[in-house]
PDB file of N, CA and C in Angstrom:
ATOM      1  N   MET A   1      39.623  21.076  14.293  1.00  0.00           N
ATOM      2  CA  MET A   1      38.605  20.203  14.195  1.00  0.00           C
ATOM      3  C   MET A   1      38.491  19.337  14.403  1.00  0.00           C
ATOM      4  N   LYS A   2      37.367  18.251  15.069  1.00  0.00           N
ATOM      5  CA  LYS A   2      37.403  17.111  15.859  1.00  0.00           C
ATOM      6  C   LYS A   2      37.585  15.587  14.256  1.00  0.00           C
ATOM      7  N   LYS A   3      38.138  15.413  15.041  1.00  0.00           N
ATOM      8  CA  LYS A   3      38.204  13.791  13.914  1.00  0.00           C
ATOM      9  C   LYS A   3      36.702  13.056  14.543  1.00  0.00           C
ATOM     10  N   GLU A   4      37.020  12.031  13.259  1.00  0.00           N
ATOM     11  CA  GLU A   4      35.784  11.146  13.460  1.00  0.00           C
ATOM     12  C   GLU A   4      34.255  11.930  13.429  1.00  0.00           C
ATOM     13  N   LEU A   5      34.025  12.853  13.827  1.00  0.00           N
ATOM     14  CA  LEU A   5      32.663  13.302  14.337  1.00  0.00           C
ATOM     15  C   LEU A   5      31.752  12.928  13.234  1.00  0.00           C
ATOM     16  N   HIS A   6      32.143  12.970  11.722  1.00  0.00           N
ATOM     17  CA  HIS A   6      30.849  12.732  10.746  1.00  0.00           C
ATOM     18  C   HIS A   6      30.831  11.261  10.886  1.00  0.00           C
ATOM     19  N   PRO A   7      30.012  10.627  10.726  1.00  0.00           N
ATOM     20  CA  PRO A   7      29.841   8.968   9.942  1.00  0.00           C
ATOM     21  C   PRO A   7      30.578   8.616   9.296  1.00  0.00           C
ATOM     22  N   GLU A   8      31.287   7.678   8.476  1.00  0.00           N
ATOM     23  CA  GLU A   8      31.641   7.236   7.681  1.00  0.00           C
ATOM     24  C   GLU A   8      30.746   6.381   6.513  1.00  0.00           C
ATOM     25  N   SER A   9      29.836   6.415   7.155  1.00  0.00           N
ATOM     26  CA  SER A   9      28.151   5.864   6.159  1.00  0.00           C
ATOM     27  C   SER A   9      27.805   6.611   5.365  1.00  0.00           C
ATOM     28  N   TYR A  10      27.853   8.174   5.544  1.00  0.00           N
ATOM     29  CA  TYR A  10      27.274   9.235   4.807  1.00  0.00           C
ATOM     30  C   TYR A  10      27.249   8.697   3.218  1.00  0.00           C
ATOM     31  N   ARG A  11      25.736   8.414   2.531  1.00  0.00           N
ATOM     32  CA  ARG A  11      26.024   8.123   1.068  1.00  0.00           C
ATOM     33  C   ARG A  11      24.882   8.731   0.601  1.00  0.00           C
ATOM     34  N   THR A  12      24.920   8.250  -0.952  1.00  0.00           N
ATOM     35  CA  THR A  12      23.749   8.747  -1.634  1.00  0.00           C
ATOM     36  C   THR A  12      22.497   7.770  -1.376  1.00  0.00           C
ATOM     37  N   VAL A  13      21.404   8.233  -0.934  1.00  0.00           N
ATOM     38  CA  VAL A  13      20.174   6.625  -1.102  1.00  0.00           C
ATOM     39  C   VAL A  13      19.098   7.318  -1.595  1.00  0.00           C
ATOM     40  N   ILE A  14      18.179   6.599  -2.014  1.00  0.00           N
ATOM     41  CA  ILE A  14      16.941   6.872  -2.488  1.00  0.00           C
ATOM     42  C   ILE A  14      15.633   7.264  -1.501  1.00  0.00           C
ATOM     43  N   PHE A  15      15.109   8.026  -1.445  1.00  0.00           N
ATOM     44  CA  PHE A  15      13.566   8.494  -0.698  1.00  0.00           C
ATOM     45  C   PHE A  15      12.816   8.084  -1.440  1.00  0.00           C
ATOM     46  N   ARG A  16      11.666   7.530  -0.822  1.00  0.00           N
ATOM     47  CA  ARG A  16      10.543   7.119  -1.480  1.00  0.00           C
ATOM     48  C   ARG A  16       9.344   7.185  -0.377  1.00  0.00           C
ATOM     49  N   ASP A  17       8.333   8.269  -1.208  1.00  0.00           N
ATOM     50  CA  ASP A  17       7.473   8.448  -0.204  1.00  0.00           C
ATOM     51  C   ASP A  17       6.191   7.411  -0.844  1.00  0.00           C
ATOM     52  N   ILE A  18       5.950   6.609  -0.258  1.00  0.00           N
ATOM     53  CA  ILE A  18       5.100   5.123  -0.583  1.00  0.00           C
ATOM     54  C   ILE A  18       3.676   5.513  -0.577  1.00  0.00           C
ATOM     55  N   ASN A  19       3.577   6.417  -0.194  1.00  0.00           N
ATOM     56  CA  ASN A  19       1.917   7.218  -0.562  1.00  0.00           C
ATOM     57  C   ASN A  19       1.527   7.513  -1.786  1.00  0.00           C
ATOM     58  N   ALA A  20       2.698   8.686  -2.237  1.00  0.00           N
ATOM     59  CA  ALA A  20       2.716   9.051  -3.583  1.00  0.00           C
ATOM     60  C   ALA A  20       3.435   8.265  -4.698  1.00  0.00           C
ATOM     61  N   ASP A  21       4.204   7.483  -4.410  1.00  0.00           N
ATOM     62  CA  ASP A  21       4.988   6.840  -5.222  1.00  0.00           C
ATOM     63  C   ASP A  21       5.945   7.457  -5.907  1.00  0.00           C
ATOM     64  N   VAL A  22       6.848   8.334  -4.956  1.00  0.00           N
ATOM     65  CA  VAL A  22       7.309   9.507  -5.588  1.00  0.00           C
ATOM     66  C   VAL A  22       8.737   9.049  -4.966  1.00  0.00           C
ATOM     67  N   SER A  23      10.186   9.238  -5.914  1.00  0.00           N
ATOM     68  CA  SER A  23      11.387   8.597  -5.418  1.00  0.00           C
ATOM     69  C   SER A  23      12.183   9.732  -5.944  1.00  0.00           C
ATOM     70  N   TRP A  24      13.403  10.299  -4.663  1.00  0.00           N
ATOM     71  CA  TRP A  24      14.271  10.813  -5.411  1.00  0.00           C
ATOM     72  C   TRP A  24      15.723  10.624  -4.496  1.00  0.00           C
ATOM     73  N   LEU A  25      16.646  11.086  -5.267  1.00  0.00           N
ATOM     74  CA  LEU A  25      17.498  11.015  -4.415  1.00  0.00           C
ATOM     75  C   LEU A  25      18.447  11.857  -3.442  1.00  0.00           C
ATOM     76  N   GLY A  26      19.518  11.838  -2.504  1.00  0.00           N
ATOM     77  CA  GLY A  26      19.655  12.781  -1.339  1.00  0.00           C
ATOM     78  C   GLY A  26      20.828  11.399  -0.859  1.00  0.00           C
ATOM     79  N   ARG A  27      21.251  12.279   0.406  1.00  0.00           N
ATOM     80  CA  ARG A  27      22.050  11.852   0.884  1.00  0.00           C
ATOM     81  C   ARG A  27      22.068  11.790   2.328  1.00  0.00           C
ATOM     82  N   SER A  28      22.349  10.478   3.106  1.00  0.00           N
ATOM     83  CA  SER A  28      22.025  10.158   4.393  1.00  0.00           C
ATOM     84  C   SER A  28      22.983   9.428   5.298  1.00  0.00           C
ATOM     85  N   CYS A  29      22.774   9.498   6.647  1.00  0.00           N
ATOM     86  CA  CYS A  29      23.551   8.072   6.816  1.00  0.00           C
ATOM     87  C   CYS A  29      22.648   7.516   8.010  1.00  0.00           C
ATOM     88  N   ALA A  30      21.709   7.229   7.592  1.00  0.00           N
ATOM     89  CA  ALA A  30      20.329   6.505   8.165  1.00  0.00           C
ATOM     90  C   ALA A  30      20.714   4.951   8.177  1.00  0.00           C
ATOM     91  N   LYS A  31      20.567   3.507   8.357  1.00  0.00           N
ATOM     92  CA  LYS A  31      20.461   2.572   8.320  1.00  0.00           C
ATOM     93  C   LYS A  31      19.085   1.999   7.716  1.00  0.00           C
ATOM     94  N   THR A  32      19.493   1.645   6.771  1.00  0.00           N
ATOM     95  CA  THR A  32      18.584   0.936   5.720  1.00  0.00           C
ATOM     96  C   THR A  32      18.982  -0.428   5.513  1.00  0.00           C
ATOM     97  N   ARG A  33      17.894  -1.732   5.352  1.00  0.00           N
ATOM     98  CA  ARG A  33      17.552  -2.955   4.853  1.00  0.00           C
ATOM     99  C   ARG A  33      17.467  -3.048   3.428  1.00  0.00           C
ATOM    100  N   ASP A  34      16.687  -2.374   2.659  1.00  0.00           N
ATOM    101  CA  ASP A  34      16.429  -2.275   1.264  1.00  0.00           C
ATOM    102  C   ASP A  34      17.082  -2.104   0.650  1.00  0.00           C
ATOM    103  N   SER A  35      17.268  -2.039  -1.001  1.00  0.00           N
ATOM    104  CA  SER A  35      18.181  -1.381  -1.821  1.00  0.00           C
ATOM    105  C   SER A  35      17.218  -1.089  -2.987  1.00  0.00           C
ATOM    106  N   ASP A  36      17.096  -0.263  -3.941  1.00  0.00           N
ATOM    107  CA  ASP A  36      16.132  -0.490  -5.017  1.00  0.00           C
ATOM    108  C   ASP A  36      17.154   0.130  -6.030  1.00  0.00           C
ATOM    109  N   THR A  37      16.975   0.388  -7.214  1.00  0.00           N
ATOM    110  CA  THR A  37      17.397   0.720  -8.493  1.00  0.00           C
ATOM    111  C   THR A  37      16.923   1.993  -9.038  1.00  0.00           C
ATOM    112  N   PHE A  38      17.315   3.199  -9.364  1.00  0.00           N
ATOM    113  CA  PHE A  38      17.022   4.280  -9.347  1.00  0.00           C
ATOM    114  C   PHE A  38      16.981   4.637 -10.939  1.00  0.00           C
ATOM    115  N   GLU A  39      16.179   5.883 -11.452  1.00  0.00           N
ATOM    116  CA  GLU A  39      15.855   6.046 -12.780  1.00  0.00           C
ATOM    117  C   GLU A  39      17.573   5.719 -13.663  1.00  0.00           C
ATOM    118  N   ASP A  40      18.629   6.577 -12.961  1.00  0.00           N
ATOM    119  CA  ASP A  40      19.915   6.571 -13.553  1.00  0.00           C
ATOM    120  C   ASP A  40      20.531   4.864 -13.710  1.00  0.00           C
ATOM    121  N   GLY A  41      20.293   4.021 -13.269  1.00  0.00           N
ATOM    122  CA  GLY A  41      20.589   2.593 -13.812  1.00  0.00           C
ATOM    123  C   GLY A  41      21.596   1.914 -12.533  1.00  0.00           C
ATOM    124  N   ASN A  42      21.705   2.775 -11.534  1.00  0.00           N
ATOM    125  CA  ASN A  42      22.924   2.390 -10.402  1.00  0.00           C
ATOM    126  C   ASN A  42      21.419   1.988  -9.307  1.00  0.00           C
ATOM    127  N   GLU A  43      22.103   1.211  -8.502  1.00  0.00           N
ATOM    128  CA  GLU A  43      21.305   0.583  -7.132  1.00  0.00           C
ATOM    129  C   GLU A  43      21.896   1.451  -5.867  1.00  0.00           C
ATOM    130  N   TYR A  44      21.109   1.808  -4.874  1.00  0.00           N
ATOM    131  CA  TYR A  44      21.467   2.699  -3.983  1.00  0.00           C
ATOM    132  C   TYR A  44      20.726   1.890  -2.565  1.00  0.00           C
ATOM    133  N   PRO A  45      20.981   2.505  -1.438  1.00  0.00           N
ATOM    134  CA  PRO A  45      19.445   1.935  -0.409  1.00  0.00           C
ATOM    135  C   PRO A  45      18.948   2.987  -0.648  1.00  0.00           C
ATOM    136  N   LEU A  46      17.411   2.167  -0.105  1.00  0.00           N
ATOM    137  CA  LEU A  46      16.110   2.963  -0.085  1.00  0.00           C
ATOM    138  C   LEU A  46      15.523   3.108   1.390  1.00  0.00           C
ATOM    139  N   ILE A  47      15.115   4.264   1.500  1.00  0.00           N
ATOM    140  CA  ILE A  47      14.340   4.582   2.614  1.00  0.00           C
ATOM    141  C   ILE A  47      12.938   4.976   2.433  1.00  0.00           C
ATOM    142  N   LYS A  48      12.240   4.104   2.829  1.00  0.00           N
ATOM    143  CA  LYS A  48      10.596   4.683   2.558  1.00  0.00           C
ATOM    144  C   LYS A  48      10.475   5.315   3.659  1.00  0.00           C
ATOM    145  N   LEU A  49       9.387   6.281   3.040  1.00  0.00           N
ATOM    146  CA  LEU A  49       8.915   7.544   4.061  1.00  0.00           C
ATOM    147  C   LEU A  49       7.052   7.030   3.630  1.00  0.00           C
ATOM    148  N   GLU A  50       6.612   7.841   4.794  1.00  0.00           N
ATOM    149  CA  GLU A  50       4.894   7.420   4.940  1.00  0.00           C
ATOM    150  C   GLU A  50       4.803   8.876   4.451  1.00  0.00           C
ATOM    151  N   ILE A  51       5.567   9.864   4.271  1.00  0.00           N
ATOM    152  CA  ILE A  51       4.813  11.207   4.586  1.00  0.00           C
ATOM    153  C   ILE A  51       5.777  12.097   4.203  1.00  0.00           C
ATOM    154  N   SER A  52       5.599  12.895   2.955  1.00  0.00           N
ATOM    155  CA  SER A  52       6.378  13.668   2.190  1.00  0.00           C
ATOM    156  C   SER A  52       5.648  14.716   1.970  1.00  0.00           C
ATOM    157  N   SER A  53       6.560  15.867   1.165  1.00  0.00           N
ATOM    158  CA  SER A  53       5.834  17.274   1.009  1.00  0.00           C
ATOM    159  C   SER A  53       4.850  16.329  -0.585  1.00  0.00           C
ATOM    160  N   GLU A  54       5.285  15.918  -1.038  1.00  0.00           N
ATOM    161  CA  GLU A  54       4.277  15.390  -2.233  1.00  0.00           C
ATOM    162  C   GLU A  54       3.004  14.280  -1.657  1.00  0.00           C
ATOM    163  N   SER A  55       2.435  14.410  -0.394  1.00  0.00           N
ATOM    164  CA  SER A  55       1.903  13.381  -0.334  1.00  0.00           C
ATOM    165  C   SER A  55       1.424  14.658   1.171  1.00  0.00           C
ATOM    166  N   HIS A  56       1.908  15.495   1.576  1.00  0.00           N
ATOM    167  CA  HIS A  56       1.261  16.058   2.471  1.00  0.00           C
ATOM    168  C   HIS A  56      -0.107  16.693   2.184  1.00  0.00           C
ATOM    169  N   PRO A  57      -0.915  16.525   2.854  1.00  0.00           N
ATOM    170  CA  PRO A  57      -2.204  17.851   2.983  1.00  0.00           C
ATOM    171  C   PRO A  57      -1.758  19.296   2.891  1.00  0.00           C
ATOM    172  N   PHE A  58      -1.088  19.731   3.309  1.00  0.00           N
ATOM    173  CA  PHE A  58      -0.709  21.271   3.583  1.00  0.00           C
ATOM    174  C   PHE A  58      -0.030  21.500   2.597  1.00  0.00           C
ATOM    175  N   PHE A  59       1.063  20.656   1.804  1.00  0.00           N
ATOM    176  CA  PHE A  59       2.014  20.724   0.848  1.00  0.00           C
ATOM    177  C   PHE A  59       0.675  20.719  -0.859  1.00  0.00           C
ATOM    178  N   THR A  60       0.085  19.337  -0.714  1.00  0.00           N
ATOM    179  CA  THR A  60      -0.703  18.999  -1.962  1.00  0.00           C
ATOM    180  C   THR A  60      -2.047  19.925  -1.838  1.00  0.00           C
ATOM    181  N   GLY A  61      -2.825  20.902  -0.601  1.00  0.00           N
ATOM    182  CA  GLY A  61      -4.103  21.428  -0.965  1.00  0.00           C
ATOM    183  C   GLY A  61      -5.169  20.587  -0.906  1.00  0.00           C
ATOM    184  N   LYS A  62      -4.474  19.172  -0.737  1.00  0.00           N
ATOM    185  CA  LYS A  62      -5.860  18.139  -0.360  1.00  0.00           C
ATOM    186  C   LYS A  62      -6.143  17.850   1.042  1.00  0.00           C
ATOM    187  N   MET A  63      -6.986  18.162   1.786  1.00  0.00           N
ATOM    188  CA  MET A  63      -7.289  17.976   2.908  1.00  0.00           C
ATOM    189  C   MET A  63      -7.906  17.057   2.957  1.00  0.00           C
ATOM    190  N   GLN A  64      -7.665  15.909   3.958  1.00  0.00           N
ATOM    191  CA  GLN A  64      -8.450  14.867   4.217  1.00  0.00           C
ATOM    192  C   GLN A  64      -9.282  15.169   5.501  1.00  0.00           C
ATOM    193  N   PHE A  65     -10.746  14.886   5.635  1.00  0.00           N
ATOM    194  CA  PHE A  65     -11.690  15.054   7.038  1.00  0.00           C
ATOM    195  C   PHE A  65     -11.968  14.010   7.197  1.00  0.00           C
ATOM    196  N   VAL A  66     -11.443  14.203   8.654  1.00  0.00           N
ATOM    197  CA  VAL A  66     -11.630  12.697   9.529  1.00  0.00           C
ATOM    198  C   VAL A  66     -12.901  12.777  10.210  1.00  0.00           C
ATOM    199  N   ASP A  67     -13.931  12.056  10.723  1.00  0.00           N
ATOM    200  CA  ASP A  67     -14.940  11.683  11.333  1.00  0.00           C
ATOM    201  C   ASP A  67     -15.026  13.060  12.299  1.00  0.00           C
ATOM    202  N   THR A  68     -15.516  14.209  11.885  1.00  0.00           N
ATOM    203  CA  THR A  68     -15.938  14.782  12.850  1.00  0.00           C
ATOM    204  C   THR A  68     -17.317  15.131  13.342  1.00  0.00           C
ATOM    205  N   ALA A  69     -18.093  14.356  13.036  1.00  0.00           N
ATOM    206  CA  ALA A  69     -19.297  14.382  13.620  1.00  0.00           C
ATOM    207  C   ALA A  69     -19.180  13.329  14.824  1.00  0.00           C
ATOM    208  N   GLY A  70     -18.394  12.277  14.767  1.00  0.00           N
ATOM    209  CA  GLY A  70     -18.132  11.628  15.907  1.00  0.00           C
ATOM    210  C   GLY A  70     -17.479  12.189  17.131  1.00  0.00           C
ATOM    211  N   ARG A  71     -16.636  13.227  16.878  1.00  0.00           N
ATOM    212  CA  ARG A  71     -16.060  14.037  17.360  1.00  0.00           C
ATOM    213  C   ARG A  71     -16.898  14.993  18.139  1.00  0.00           C
ATOM    214  N   ILE A  72     -17.929  15.802  17.571  1.00  0.00           N
ATOM    215  CA  ILE A  72     -18.775  16.547  18.421  1.00  0.00           C
ATOM    216  C   ILE A  72     -19.603  15.764  18.855  1.00  0.00           C
ATOM    217  N   ASP A  73     -20.430  14.375  18.842  1.00  0.00           N
ATOM    218  CA  ASP A  73     -20.663  13.891  19.633  1.00  0.00           C
ATOM    219  C   ASP A  73     -20.465  13.358  20.857  1.00  0.00           C
ATOM    220  N   LYS A  74     -19.074  12.991  20.722  1.00  0.00           N
ATOM    221  CA  LYS A  74     -18.199  12.539  22.048  1.00  0.00           C
ATOM    222  C   LYS A  74     -17.941  14.009  22.991  1.00  0.00           C
ATOM    223  N   PHE A  75     -18.025  15.010  22.491  1.00  0.00           N
ATOM    224  CA  PHE A  75     -17.452  16.651  23.188  1.00  0.00           C
ATOM    225  C   PHE A  75     -19.164  16.379  23.403  1.00  0.00           C
ATOM    226  N   ASN A  76     -20.354  16.494  22.928  1.00  0.00           N
ATOM    227  CA  ASN A  76     -21.348  16.839  23.549  1.00  0.00           C
ATOM    228  C   ASN A  76     -22.069  15.823  24.919  1.00  0.00           C
ATOM    229  N   LYS A  77     -21.166  14.231  24.480  1.00  0.00           N
ATOM    230  CA  LYS A  77     -21.986  13.659  25.935  1.00  0.00           C
ATOM    231  C   LYS A  77     -20.589  13.768  26.514  1.00  0.00           C
ATOM    232  N   LYS A  78     -19.474  14.251  26.428  1.00  0.00           N
ATOM    233  CA  LYS A  78     -18.413  14.218  27.846  1.00  0.00           C
ATOM    234  C   LYS A  78     -18.960  16.086  28.527  1.00  0.00           C
ATOM    235  N   PHE A  79     -19.515  17.005  27.717  1.00  0.00           N
ATOM    236  CA  PHE A  79     -19.624  18.454  28.347  1.00  0.00           C
ATOM    237  C   PHE A  79     -20.635  18.798  27.956  1.00  0.00           C
ATOM    238  N   GLY A  80     -21.820  17.796  27.788  1.00  0.00           N
ATOM    239  CA  GLY A  80     -23.057  18.625  27.365  1.00  0.00           C
ATOM    240  C   GLY A  80     -23.966  19.011  28.662  1.00  0.00           C
ATOM    241  N   LYS A  81     -23.480  18.830  29.911  1.00  0.00           N
ATOM    242  CA  LYS A  81     -24.439  19.117  30.790  1.00  0.00           C
ATOM    243  C   LYS A  81     -23.260  20.450  31.456  1.00  0.00           C
ATOM    244  N   SER A  82     -22.649  20.554  31.414  1.00  0.00           N
ATOM    245  CA  SER A  82     -21.897  22.009  31.943  1.00  0.00           C
ATOM    246  C   SER A  82     -22.290  22.994  31.646  1.00  0.00           C
ATOM    247  N   ARG A  83     -21.926  23.984  32.757  1.00  0.00           N
ATOM    248  CA  ARG A  83     -22.139  25.190  32.764  1.00  0.00           C
ATOM    249  C   ARG A  83     -22.202  26.116  31.172  1.00  0.00           C
ATOM    250  N   PHE A  84     -20.445  25.728  30.835  1.00  0.00           N
ATOM    251  CA  PHE A  84     -20.551  26.396  29.558  1.00  0.00           C
ATOM    252  C   PHE A  84     -21.287  26.142  28.986  1.00  0.00           C
ATOM    253  N   ALA A  85     -21.617  24.845  28.196  1.00  0.00           N
ATOM    254  CA  ALA A  85     -22.640  24.297  27.085  1.00  0.00           C
ATOM    255  C   ALA A  85     -23.767  25.039  26.829  1.00  0.00           C
ATOM    256  N   LYS A  86     -24.555  24.948  28.339  1.00  0.00           N
ATOM    257  CA  LYS A  86     -25.801  25.737  28.443  1.00  0.00           C
ATOM    258  C   LYS A  86     -25.357  27.059  28.160  1.00  0.00           C
ATOM    259  N   LYS A  87     -24.819  27.947  28.339  1.00  0.00           N
ATOM    260  CA  LYS A  87     -24.655  28.994  28.072  1.00  0.00           C
ATOM    261  C   LYS A  87     -24.836  29.203  26.729  1.00  0.00           C
ATOM    262  N   LEU A  88     -23.826  28.258  25.706  1.00  0.00           N
ATOM    263  CA  LEU A  88     -23.553  28.542  24.199  1.00  0.00           C
ATOM    264  C   LEU A  88     -25.105  28.224  23.869  1.00  0.00           C
ATOM    265  N   GLY A  89     -25.572  27.898  24.249  1.00  0.00           N
ATOM    266  CA  GLY A  89     -26.711  26.642  23.750  1.00  0.00           C
ATOM    267  C   GLY A  89     -28.225  28.082  24.151  1.00  0.00           C
ATOM    268  N   GLU A  90     -28.065  28.867  24.999  1.00  0.00           N
ATOM    269  CA  GLU A  90     -29.049  29.889  25.368  1.00  0.00           C
ATOM    270  C   GLU A  90     -28.490  31.187  24.479  1.00  0.00           C
ATOM    271  N   GLU A  91     -27.562  31.386  24.211  1.00  0.00           N
ATOM    272  CA  GLU A  91     -26.320  32.505  23.251  1.00  0.00           C
ATOM    273  C   GLU A  91     -27.127  32.050  21.473  1.00  0.00           C
ATOM    274  N   GLU A  92     -26.910  30.864  21.503  1.00  0.00           N
ATOM    275  CA  GLU A  92     -27.843  30.498  20.182  1.00  0.00           C
ATOM    276  C   GLU A  92     -29.229  30.448  19.683  1.00  0.00           C
ATOM    277  N   ALA A  93     -29.741  30.276  20.621  1.00  0.00           N
ATOM    278  CA  ALA A  93     -31.065  30.032  20.550  1.00  0.00           C
ATOM    279  C   ALA A  93     -31.928  31.658  20.294  1.00  0.00           C
ATOM    280  N   PRO A  94     -32.486  31.674  19.174  1.00  0.00           N
ATOM    281  CA  PRO A  94     -33.079  32.803  18.901  1.00  0.00           C
ATOM    282  C   PRO A  94     -34.393  33.435  19.859  1.00  0.00           C
ATOM    283  N   ALA A  95     -34.221  34.677  19.815  1.00  0.00           N
ATOM    284  CA  ALA A  95     -35.159  34.734  21.113  1.00  0.00           C
ATOM    285  C   ALA A  95     -36.852  35.306  20.326  1.00  0.00           C
ATOM    286  N   THR A  96     -37.847  34.477  20.836  1.00  0.00           N
ATOM    287  CA  THR A  96     -38.771  34.166  20.300  1.00  0.00           C
ATOM    288  C   THR A  96     -39.791  35.583  20.613  1.00  0.00           C
ATOM    289  N   GLU A  97     -40.841  35.787  19.646  1.00  0.00           N
ATOM    290  CA  GLU A  97     -41.637  37.313  19.929  1.00  0.00           C
ATOM    291  C   GLU A  97     -42.799  36.738  20.086  1.00  0.00           C
ATOM    292  N   ALA A  98     -43.301  37.469  21.178  1.00  0.00           N
ATOM    293  CA  ALA A  98     -44.661  37.323  21.584  1.00  0.00           C
ATOM    294  C   ALA A  98     -46.019  38.041  20.877  1.00  0.00           C
TER     295      ALA A  98
END
């Protein structure tokens, strides 16, 4: 086995999802400047996360929709005069009876 393979600073840290305000203990060797007290009363280094399984829409089931209308308008401005867009428009138009 190779010596000095793992860093010596592998330690218990607090991971905190700042969007969901949820914290848990884990182990990491990531460097951090912050520290905080956990529920057990001990102080640990703090690693702040922007997203985790507690706040990710896939895991929570709460999907956030972005400005889809703006995206559609942008697409139509860019490709509205193309041959492909005209074919789609012709297929979607209902046939009129005379």
